[in-house]
Amino acid sequence: MSDLLAREPLQDSYSDDANPLGLDGVEFIEYATSQPQALGNVLEMMGFRPVARHRSREVLLYRQGGMNIIVNAHPMEAPSTVPTISAVALRVRDARAAYRHVLERGAWEVPTHPEAMELNIPAIHGVGGSRIYFVDRWREFSIYDVDFIKIPAVEQNPPATAGLHFFGIVQYIGVGRGYDWIEFYKELFGTALIPDEQRFGIMPSGKLLRAPAVEAANRFMLQLVEPEADSFSREERLQRLGLGVPDVLAAVRALRALGMEFVETEAAHTEKRGALSKTYLGGVVFELVHSEQA
């Protein structure tokens, strides 16, 4: 942010070895797309509602409960018709300090070019050209209060459908790249590898990492999945969102009522542990995972 250098000195609690960045969950997920209306329709079937527009860019903010999703259709940011997860914003205790911490450990900075009246949010490169942002304004005063204009007569904090909340992100990785990515997230963010016998949902392949959080309810997962031997695609990318829900079957019923369809095959089907949405617009998938976190 433009005022990062004017911040107060770093707090002593930042030295917490278990959570070096003061991580406290996901602030937003960003999709880049040249089909914002079509993606918006999919998000609304998942219970999200548009609440604000960016001041100077073709960007919409969708929200439900504690989850924010940004749809970025700015011409320079959305070259593909297939929506992709282009960024993840992490809540941290101090964005300036978190940014310096990861750069010192080898992260690659992303130069930002904010326009007038825009915040300069620090970011590093993630998988497949994506960005990882660091945000320390999400309580009484948030980044949306500066960069976005509220849509009139719209509820700004729509309730979560069936208790939906962020659970994790699935990342596809290259063959034999598991160790590299495990070390990347461990070194920069303090993630911990979960034992192979501990799995969640109905799509259990790959390696699971748990990110630390100041509040336990804000912890999230990263799932690293290598391609099958006969797979045609070896592209590394953020592939889908995992959304936690206390009652998967009830959530599926509620989302079906909104128009969302789910995969029902012998290999993957709705059950108490989880469910998988159909693929929309060539690449948008949501996974439901049983989670009591609210």
Foldseek 3Di string as FASTA:
>chain_A
DVCQVVDDDDDPVCVPLQWNFQWAAWQAWEKAALCVVQVQLVVVLQVWDWWWAFPPARKTWIAAARYIYIYHNGPVRHVDHFIARAEIEIEGQRQVVLLVQLVVVPFAWDDDDDDPQADDWTWTADAPNHIYTYFHADPPGGNCVGGIDTDPPDDNHHYRQQAKDFAEWEKEAAPPCQVVVVCSCCSSGNWDWDDLVDAFAQPSDATKIWGDHPDPLRIHIYGYHYDDPPDPDRGIGTAATEIEHQFAVSRVVRSVVSPWAWDPDPSAADDRQWTKTDAPSNGYIYIYGNDPRD
